[in-house]
């Protein structure tokens, strides 16, 4: 194998593929990225039996072939190379990489020991890449990170006709995003639970490419299904989580509300960040709403306290409610709007945050539910 490739194209391809490699692979070859040159195209592949990633790059190929090298090491090297063409050749049990006056020799692993990447499942439809990336970011933030509860670490994708819905919850907050997409089958009705980290990384990578993302699904037995995404020259597949017993979380959204507030997203984020400086890790920030506006306050160890007032339009009886400050900031940061609408039942029931348009009305499509923290004053 011998080829020449542009440095930026190689660095991007290797970085994206290496990102999904396991930190502690069950066998050494799974820590590698597979470089395969065929007819002037370089395929950079990674696979850990759960997630596969593959990207194709045009190269000047002198001879076809394949080599398997450490993914993370190759990613660090290619990122640090000077902005010049890169010459790569497989020589015996080593890979030689030359860029300008920089030269690296890396040990290779046996290509024949590397597992075959899974085929892409059957296409289910397409969705706008940029809109999909933005929607995934809004939802994935609410997914759990506790691996002992794998179901909570996923994003539930619900495909129903031309509507694509995504939900995620860690039991303390819940995000729901609904959007239009282009199904191959207008009568499609499929649910899938996708690992949130994989989905978020994939959407981030495919979003900037523009165009359409193809979504592919195969339903197997519990926990054996697979989902695939393809956009531009990149494709990735992931095994689905077992979502058979996923709770009916949509029922958590209140059917009605007794109070409502409208306020500036950026201002509230700044205020919460400042006030939360005195709060301990498990201490909530208190939001006190009245006709005069909003007061945000927090107390920490001993006598450390902070409070700050800001403008807010509020309707309903005066209300004081406590939230985890980071969960609140996460929801506000992903609204994608300048104005947030808070809807409350009371101080002990979940609150719902939605984006507002320029006319002040709630924009349908995204809702972020956050559980309150009971506080004694």
Protein backbone atom coordinates (compact mmCIF):
# COMPACT_ATOMS: atom_id res chain seq x y z
CA UNK A 1 0.00 0.00 0.00
CA UNK A 2 1.36 3.39 -1.01
CA UNK A 3 -0.43 6.70 -1.51
CA UNK A 4 -0.31 10.49 -1.16
CA UNK A 5 -3.10 12.46 0.52
CA UNK A 6 -3.82 16.02 1.63
CA UNK A 7 -2.97 16.53 5.28
CA UNK A 8 -6.30 18.13 6.33
CA UNK A 9 -8.42 15.45 4.66
CA UNK A 10 -6.40 12.70 6.31
CA UNK A 11 -6.42 14.34 9.75
CA UNK A 12 -10.21 14.85 9.67
CA UNK A 13 -10.88 11.28 8.52
CA UNK A 14 -8.61 9.69 11.13
CA UNK A 15 -9.83 11.95 13.96
CA UNK A 16 -13.49 11.16 13.25
CA UNK A 17 -12.87 7.41 13.02
CA UNK A 18 -10.58 7.25 16.06
CA UNK A 19 -13.07 9.14 18.22
CA UNK A 20 -15.35 6.11 18.46
CA UNK A 21 -12.58 3.62 19.29
CA UNK A 22 -12.76 1.96 22.74
CA UNK A 23 -10.46 3.16 25.51
CA UNK A 24 -9.96 -0.39 26.75
CA UNK A 25 -10.41 -2.69 23.76
CA UNK A 26 -11.19 -6.35 24.43
CA UNK A 27 -8.57 -7.31 21.83
CA UNK A 28 -5.66 -5.10 20.67
CA UNK A 29 -6.76 -4.87 17.01
CA UNK A 30 -9.92 -3.00 18.02
CA UNK A 31 -7.72 -0.04 19.03
CA UNK A 32 -6.66 0.29 15.42
CA UNK A 33 -7.95 2.11 12.37
CA UNK A 34 -7.92 0.22 9.11
CA UNK A 35 -6.46 2.09 6.13
CA UNK A 36 -7.44 0.52 2.81
CA UNK A 37 -6.59 1.99 -0.60
CA UNK A 38 -8.56 0.89 -3.66
CA UNK A 39 -8.69 2.63 -7.06
CA UNK A 40 -7.56 6.03 -5.77
CA UNK A 41 -9.82 6.01 -2.71
CA UNK A 42 -8.72 5.63 0.89
CA UNK A 43 -11.18 4.09 3.34
CA UNK A 44 -10.47 4.82 7.01
CA UNK A 45 -12.45 2.42 9.20
CA UNK A 46 -12.95 1.73 12.90
CA UNK A 47 -15.09 -0.91 14.64
CA UNK A 48 -15.49 -2.17 18.22
CA UNK A 49 -18.38 -4.62 17.62
CA UNK A 50 -20.82 -1.94 18.87
CA UNK A 51 -20.10 1.10 16.68
CA UNK A 52 -18.49 1.23 13.24
CA UNK A 53 -17.22 4.35 11.48
CA UNK A 54 -15.96 4.69 7.94
CA UNK A 55 -14.96 7.64 5.80
CA UNK A 56 -13.71 7.73 2.21
CA UNK A 57 -11.00 10.15 1.04
CA UNK A 58 -9.65 10.68 -2.47
CA UNK A 59 -5.90 10.00 -2.68
CA UNK A 60 -3.16 9.61 -5.26
CA UNK A 61 -2.72 5.86 -5.00
CA UNK A 62 0.52 4.26 -6.20
CA UNK A 63 -0.43 0.77 -5.05
CA UNK A 64 -3.54 -0.68 -3.42
CA UNK A 65 -3.48 -2.45 -0.07
CA UNK A 66 -4.39 -2.22 3.60
CA UNK A 67 -2.74 -1.53 6.94
CA UNK A 68 -3.96 -1.53 10.54
CA UNK A 69 -2.38 0.96 12.97
CA UNK A 70 -3.15 2.47 16.37
CA UNK A 71 -6.04 4.87 15.82
CA UNK A 72 -5.38 7.32 18.64
CA UNK A 73 -1.66 7.55 17.88
CA UNK A 74 -2.31 8.12 14.18
CA UNK A 75 -4.93 10.78 15.03
CA UNK A 76 -2.45 12.66 17.24
CA UNK A 77 0.27 12.48 14.58
CA UNK A 78 -1.88 13.61 11.65
CA UNK A 79 -3.27 16.51 13.68
CA UNK A 80 0.27 17.72 14.43
CA UNK A 81 1.64 17.43 10.88
CA UNK A 82 2.63 20.54 8.87
CA UNK A 83 0.22 21.71 6.15
CA UNK A 84 1.80 19.68 3.35
CA UNK A 85 0.87 16.55 1.39
CA UNK A 86 1.37 13.29 3.30
CA UNK A 87 3.03 10.22 1.80
CA UNK A 88 2.10 6.93 3.43
CA UNK A 89 3.45 3.49 2.62
CA UNK A 90 3.18 0.06 4.22
CA UNK A 91 6.64 -1.47 4.47
CA UNK A 92 6.79 -4.91 6.02
CA UNK A 93 5.34 -4.76 9.54
CA UNK A 94 5.46 -0.96 9.65
CA UNK A 95 3.67 2.07 8.25
CA UNK A 96 5.89 4.89 7.08
CA UNK A 97 4.43 8.40 7.08
CA UNK A 98 6.30 11.35 5.56
CA UNK A 99 5.10 14.96 5.57
CA UNK A 100 7.62 17.64 4.63
CA UNK A 101 10.69 16.89 6.70
CA UNK A 102 8.66 15.00 9.35
CA UNK A 103 8.93 11.21 9.22
CA UNK A 104 7.14 8.64 11.37
CA UNK A 105 7.40 4.86 11.45
CA UNK A 106 4.51 3.08 13.15
CA UNK A 107 4.10 -0.62 13.92
CA UNK A 108 1.14 -2.29 12.21
CA UNK A 109 -1.19 -5.01 13.42
CA UNK A 110 -2.37 -8.04 11.41
CA UNK A 111 -5.10 -6.91 8.99
CA UNK A 112 -6.48 -10.44 8.81
CA UNK A 113 -7.33 -10.30 12.54
CA UNK A 114 -9.54 -7.24 12.12
CA UNK A 115 -13.31 -7.91 12.10
CA UNK A 116 -15.38 -7.11 9.03
CA UNK A 117 -17.49 -3.97 9.36
CA UNK A 118 -21.25 -4.57 9.39
CA UNK A 119 -23.22 -3.71 6.27
CA UNK A 120 -25.47 -0.67 6.39
CA UNK A 121 -29.05 -1.62 7.33
CA UNK A 122 -31.88 -0.93 4.91
CA UNK A 123 -32.57 2.78 4.36
CA UNK A 124 -35.56 4.18 6.26
CA UNK A 125 -35.42 7.74 4.88
CA UNK A 126 -33.50 11.01 4.85
CA UNK A 127 -33.38 14.15 6.97
CA UNK A 128 -31.71 17.54 6.55
CA UNK A 129 -28.20 17.21 8.01
CA UNK A 130 -27.98 20.60 9.73
CA UNK A 131 -31.48 20.38 11.22
CA UNK A 132 -30.80 16.82 12.39
CA UNK A 133 -27.56 17.83 14.12
CA UNK A 134 -29.28 20.71 15.92
CA UNK A 135 -32.17 18.48 17.01
CA UNK A 136 -29.90 15.73 18.34
CA UNK A 137 -27.92 18.27 20.39
CA UNK A 138 -31.15 19.52 21.96
CA UNK A 139 -32.16 16.03 23.07
CA UNK A 140 -28.88 14.24 23.85
CA UNK A 141 -28.09 16.70 26.65
CA UNK A 142 -30.85 15.11 28.76
CA UNK A 143 -29.65 11.53 28.34
CA UNK A 144 -28.26 9.72 31.38
CA UNK A 145 -24.58 8.93 31.84
CA UNK A 146 -24.95 6.12 34.37
CA UNK A 147 -23.87 2.95 32.53
CA UNK A 148 -25.61 0.81 35.18
CA UNK A 149 -28.88 2.09 33.68
CA UNK A 150 -28.17 1.57 29.96
CA UNK A 151 -31.73 2.37 28.90
CA UNK A 152 -31.36 5.92 30.27
CA UNK A 153 -28.13 6.49 28.28
CA UNK A 154 -30.01 6.30 24.98
CA UNK A 155 -32.04 8.60 22.77
CA UNK A 156 -35.37 7.10 21.75
CA UNK A 157 -36.08 7.72 18.08
CA UNK A 158 -39.72 7.42 17.04
CA UNK A 159 -40.47 7.34 13.32
CA UNK A 160 -44.13 7.81 12.47
CA UNK A 161 -44.94 8.75 8.90
CA UNK A 162 -43.24 12.07 8.08
CA UNK A 163 -42.61 12.90 11.77
CA UNK A 164 -39.33 12.08 13.48
CA UNK A 165 -39.38 12.40 17.27
CA UNK A 166 -36.44 12.06 19.66
CA UNK A 167 -36.67 11.72 23.45
CA UNK A 168 -34.08 11.38 26.20
CA UNK A 169 -34.22 11.42 29.99
CA UNK A 170 -31.96 10.77 32.97
CA UNK A 171 -35.01 10.78 35.31
CA UNK A 172 -34.31 14.38 36.41
CA UNK A 173 -35.04 16.07 33.10
CA UNK A 174 -36.63 15.09 29.81
CA UNK A 175 -36.08 16.50 26.33
CA UNK A 176 -38.44 15.98 23.39
CA UNK A 177 -37.81 17.16 19.82
CA UNK A 178 -40.14 16.59 16.90
CA UNK A 179 -39.29 17.41 13.29
CA UNK A 180 -40.18 16.61 9.71
CA UNK A 181 -38.20 14.06 7.72
CA UNK A 182 -38.49 12.19 4.40
CA UNK A 183 -39.42 8.52 5.00
CA UNK A 184 -38.95 5.91 2.28
CA UNK A 185 -42.25 4.41 3.44
CA UNK A 186 -44.99 6.97 4.18
CA UNK A 187 -46.61 4.49 6.59
CA UNK A 188 -43.44 3.84 8.59
CA UNK A 189 -43.85 3.26 12.35
CA UNK A 190 -40.60 2.29 14.09
CA UNK A 191 -39.09 2.99 17.50
CA UNK A 192 -35.37 2.60 18.27
CA UNK A 193 -33.16 3.35 21.28
CA UNK A 194 -29.77 4.68 20.16
CA UNK A 195 -26.75 5.29 22.45
CA UNK A 196 -26.81 9.04 23.02
CA UNK A 197 -23.06 9.56 22.81
CA UNK A 198 -22.81 7.76 19.46
CA UNK A 199 -25.81 9.62 18.06
CA UNK A 200 -24.48 12.99 19.21
CA UNK A 201 -20.97 12.40 17.82
CA UNK A 202 -22.41 11.21 14.50
CA UNK A 203 -24.78 14.15 14.16
CA UNK A 204 -21.98 16.63 14.97
CA UNK A 205 -19.84 15.08 12.24
CA UNK A 206 -22.55 14.91 9.57
CA UNK A 207 -24.27 18.25 10.27
CA UNK A 208 -21.56 20.57 8.88
CA UNK A 209 -21.39 18.53 5.66
CA UNK A 210 -24.83 19.83 4.67
CA UNK A 211 -27.20 18.01 2.37
CA UNK A 212 -29.16 15.03 3.59
CA UNK A 213 -28.41 12.32 6.14
CA UNK A 214 -29.66 8.85 5.27
CA UNK A 215 -31.02 6.95 8.26
CA UNK A 216 -31.03 3.15 8.04
CA UNK A 217 -32.59 0.70 10.49
CA UNK A 218 -32.75 -3.03 11.04
CA UNK A 219 -34.85 -4.43 13.88
CA UNK A 220 -33.51 -7.58 15.54
CA UNK A 221 -34.22 -9.21 18.85
CA UNK A 222 -34.02 -7.09 22.02
CA UNK A 223 -30.76 -5.16 21.94
CA UNK A 224 -29.68 -6.69 18.61
CA UNK A 225 -31.06 -4.16 16.16
CA UNK A 226 -28.82 -1.77 14.29
CA UNK A 227 -29.04 1.81 13.07
CA UNK A 228 -26.90 3.44 10.43
CA UNK A 229 -26.29 7.01 9.28
CA UNK A 230 -24.66 8.11 6.05
CA UNK A 231 -23.83 11.59 4.78
CA UNK A 232 -21.27 12.75 2.25
CA UNK A 233 -18.36 10.30 2.35
CA UNK A 234 -19.03 9.23 5.93
CA UNK A 235 -21.08 6.38 7.33
CA UNK A 236 -21.51 4.94 10.79
CA UNK A 237 -23.48 2.11 12.32
CA UNK A 238 -24.39 1.39 15.92
CA UNK A 239 -26.03 -1.45 17.76
CA UNK A 240 -29.31 -0.39 19.34
CA UNK A 241 -29.98 -0.51 23.07
CA UNK A 242 -32.79 -2.67 24.41
CA UNK A 243 -35.69 -0.23 24.54
CA UNK A 244 -38.50 -2.75 24.96
CA UNK A 245 -39.33 -1.46 28.45
CA UNK A 246 -38.66 2.22 27.84
CA UNK A 247 -41.01 4.15 30.17
CA UNK A 248 -43.92 6.17 28.72
CA UNK A 249 -42.15 9.45 29.43
CA UNK A 250 -44.39 11.61 27.24
CA UNK A 251 -47.03 11.35 29.98
CA UNK A 252 -44.72 13.40 32.26
CA UNK A 253 -45.52 16.57 30.31
CA UNK A 254 -48.37 18.32 32.19
CA UNK A 255 -51.65 18.65 30.29
CA UNK A 256 -52.10 22.23 31.57
CA UNK A 257 -50.26 24.89 33.58
CA UNK A 258 -51.16 27.47 36.24
CA UNK A 259 -48.35 29.98 35.74
CA UNK A 260 -46.15 31.12 32.86
CA UNK A 261 -43.00 33.22 32.53
CA UNK A 262 -41.18 34.70 29.53
CA UNK A 263 -37.58 35.84 29.85
CA UNK A 264 -34.28 36.32 28.05
CA UNK A 265 -32.33 33.09 27.60
CA UNK A 266 -28.86 34.65 27.57
CA UNK A 267 -29.56 36.86 30.59
CA UNK A 268 -30.93 33.98 32.68
CA UNK A 269 -27.95 31.76 31.82
CA UNK A 270 -25.54 34.49 32.95
CA UNK A 271 -27.48 35.14 36.15
CA UNK A 272 -27.74 31.45 37.06
CA UNK A 273 -24.01 30.94 36.45
CA UNK A 274 -23.13 33.88 38.71
CA UNK A 275 -25.52 33.02 41.51
CA UNK A 276 -24.58 29.32 41.43
CA UNK A 277 -20.96 30.16 42.28
CA UNK A 278 -21.84 30.02 45.99
CA UNK A 279 -23.96 26.86 45.65
CA UNK A 280 -22.62 23.49 46.66
CA UNK A 281 -22.78 20.62 44.21
CA UNK A 282 -26.21 19.40 45.30
CA UNK A 283 -27.63 22.82 46.16
CA UNK A 284 -30.37 24.18 43.88
CA UNK A 285 -30.81 27.71 42.67
CA UNK A 286 -34.13 29.27 43.66
CA UNK A 287 -36.21 31.12 41.08
CA UNK A 288 -38.80 33.43 42.64
CA UNK A 289 -41.34 34.72 40.10
CA UNK A 290 -43.75 37.58 40.70
CA UNK A 291 -45.39 40.42 38.81
CA UNK A 292 -42.21 42.42 39.44
CA UNK A 293 -40.00 39.91 37.58
CA UNK A 294 -37.60 37.19 38.68
CA UNK A 295 -35.13 36.89 41.56
CA UNK A 296 -32.52 34.12 41.34
CA UNK A 297 -30.78 33.14 44.57
CA UNK A 298 -28.62 30.41 46.06
CA UNK A 299 -26.97 29.61 49.37
CA UNK A 300 -23.82 27.62 49.99
CA UNK A 301 -21.65 26.66 52.93
CA UNK A 302 -22.13 28.60 56.14
CA UNK A 303 -23.18 32.15 55.21
CA UNK A 304 -22.27 32.30 51.51
CA UNK A 305 -25.32 33.56 49.64
CA UNK A 306 -26.06 35.25 46.33
CA UNK A 307 -29.09 36.74 44.66
CA UNK A 308 -29.79 38.70 41.50
CA UNK A 309 -32.93 40.16 39.99
CA UNK A 310 -33.80 40.28 36.29
CA UNK A 311 -36.71 41.21 34.06
CA UNK A 312 -39.36 38.61 33.36
CA UNK A 313 -42.98 38.64 32.23
CA UNK A 314 -44.94 36.47 34.62
CA UNK A 315 -48.60 35.49 34.84
CA UNK A 316 -50.03 33.49 37.73
CA UNK A 317 -49.65 33.42 41.49
CA UNK A 318 -46.22 34.21 42.94
CA UNK A 319 -44.00 31.15 42.73
CA UNK A 320 -40.64 30.05 44.14
CA UNK A 321 -39.13 26.91 42.65
CA UNK A 322 -35.70 25.25 42.94
CA UNK A 323 -33.68 23.65 40.12
CA UNK A 324 -30.32 21.99 39.63
CA UNK A 325 -28.39 24.92 38.09
CA UNK A 326 -26.51 22.81 35.51
CA UNK A 327 -29.67 21.06 34.32
CA UNK A 328 -31.32 24.46 33.96
CA UNK A 329 -28.37 25.88 31.99
CA UNK A 330 -28.28 22.77 29.75
CA UNK A 331 -31.92 23.23 28.80
CA UNK A 332 -31.62 26.96 28.19
CA UNK A 333 -28.43 26.61 26.16
CA UNK A 334 -30.10 24.24 23.71
CA UNK A 335 -33.36 26.12 23.17
CA UNK A 336 -32.15 27.75 19.98
CA UNK A 337 -34.14 30.91 20.77
CA UNK A 338 -33.59 34.29 22.44
CA UNK A 339 -36.66 33.99 24.65
CA UNK A 340 -37.66 31.09 26.89
CA UNK A 341 -41.19 30.26 28.02
CA UNK A 342 -41.47 28.55 31.42
CA UNK A 343 -44.74 26.82 32.24
CA UNK A 344 -45.50 25.73 35.82
CA UNK A 345 -48.16 23.69 37.58
CA UNK A 346 -46.79 24.44 41.07
CA UNK A 347 -43.46 24.49 42.92
CA UNK A 348 -43.42 20.69 43.32
CA UNK A 349 -44.35 19.57 39.80
CA UNK A 350 -42.06 19.45 36.73
CA UNK A 351 -41.65 22.70 34.81
CA UNK A 352 -41.55 22.81 31.01
CA UNK A 353 -39.21 25.14 29.11
CA UNK A 354 -39.95 25.91 25.45
CA UNK A 355 -38.48 28.31 22.89
CA UNK A 356 -40.48 31.40 21.93
CA UNK A 357 -40.56 33.09 18.54
CA UNK A 358 -40.25 36.81 17.85
CA UNK A 359 -43.97 37.18 18.53
CA UNK A 360 -43.47 35.71 22.02
CA UNK A 361 -45.51 32.61 21.28
CA UNK A 362 -44.22 29.10 21.98
CA UNK A 363 -42.47 27.53 18.99
CA UNK A 364 -43.67 23.92 18.65
CA UNK A 365 -41.20 21.10 18.22
CA UNK A 366 -38.98 21.26 21.32
CA UNK A 367 -39.81 20.90 25.01
CA UNK A 368 -37.43 20.49 27.95
CA UNK A 369 -38.98 19.23 31.19
CA UNK A 370 -37.02 19.70 34.41
CA UNK A 371 -37.84 18.27 37.82
CA UNK A 372 -37.83 20.74 40.72
CA UNK A 373 -35.77 20.25 43.87
CA UNK A 374 -37.77 20.68 47.07
CA UNK A 375 -36.34 23.32 49.33
CA UNK A 376 -37.24 24.53 52.79
CA UNK A 377 -37.03 28.27 53.42
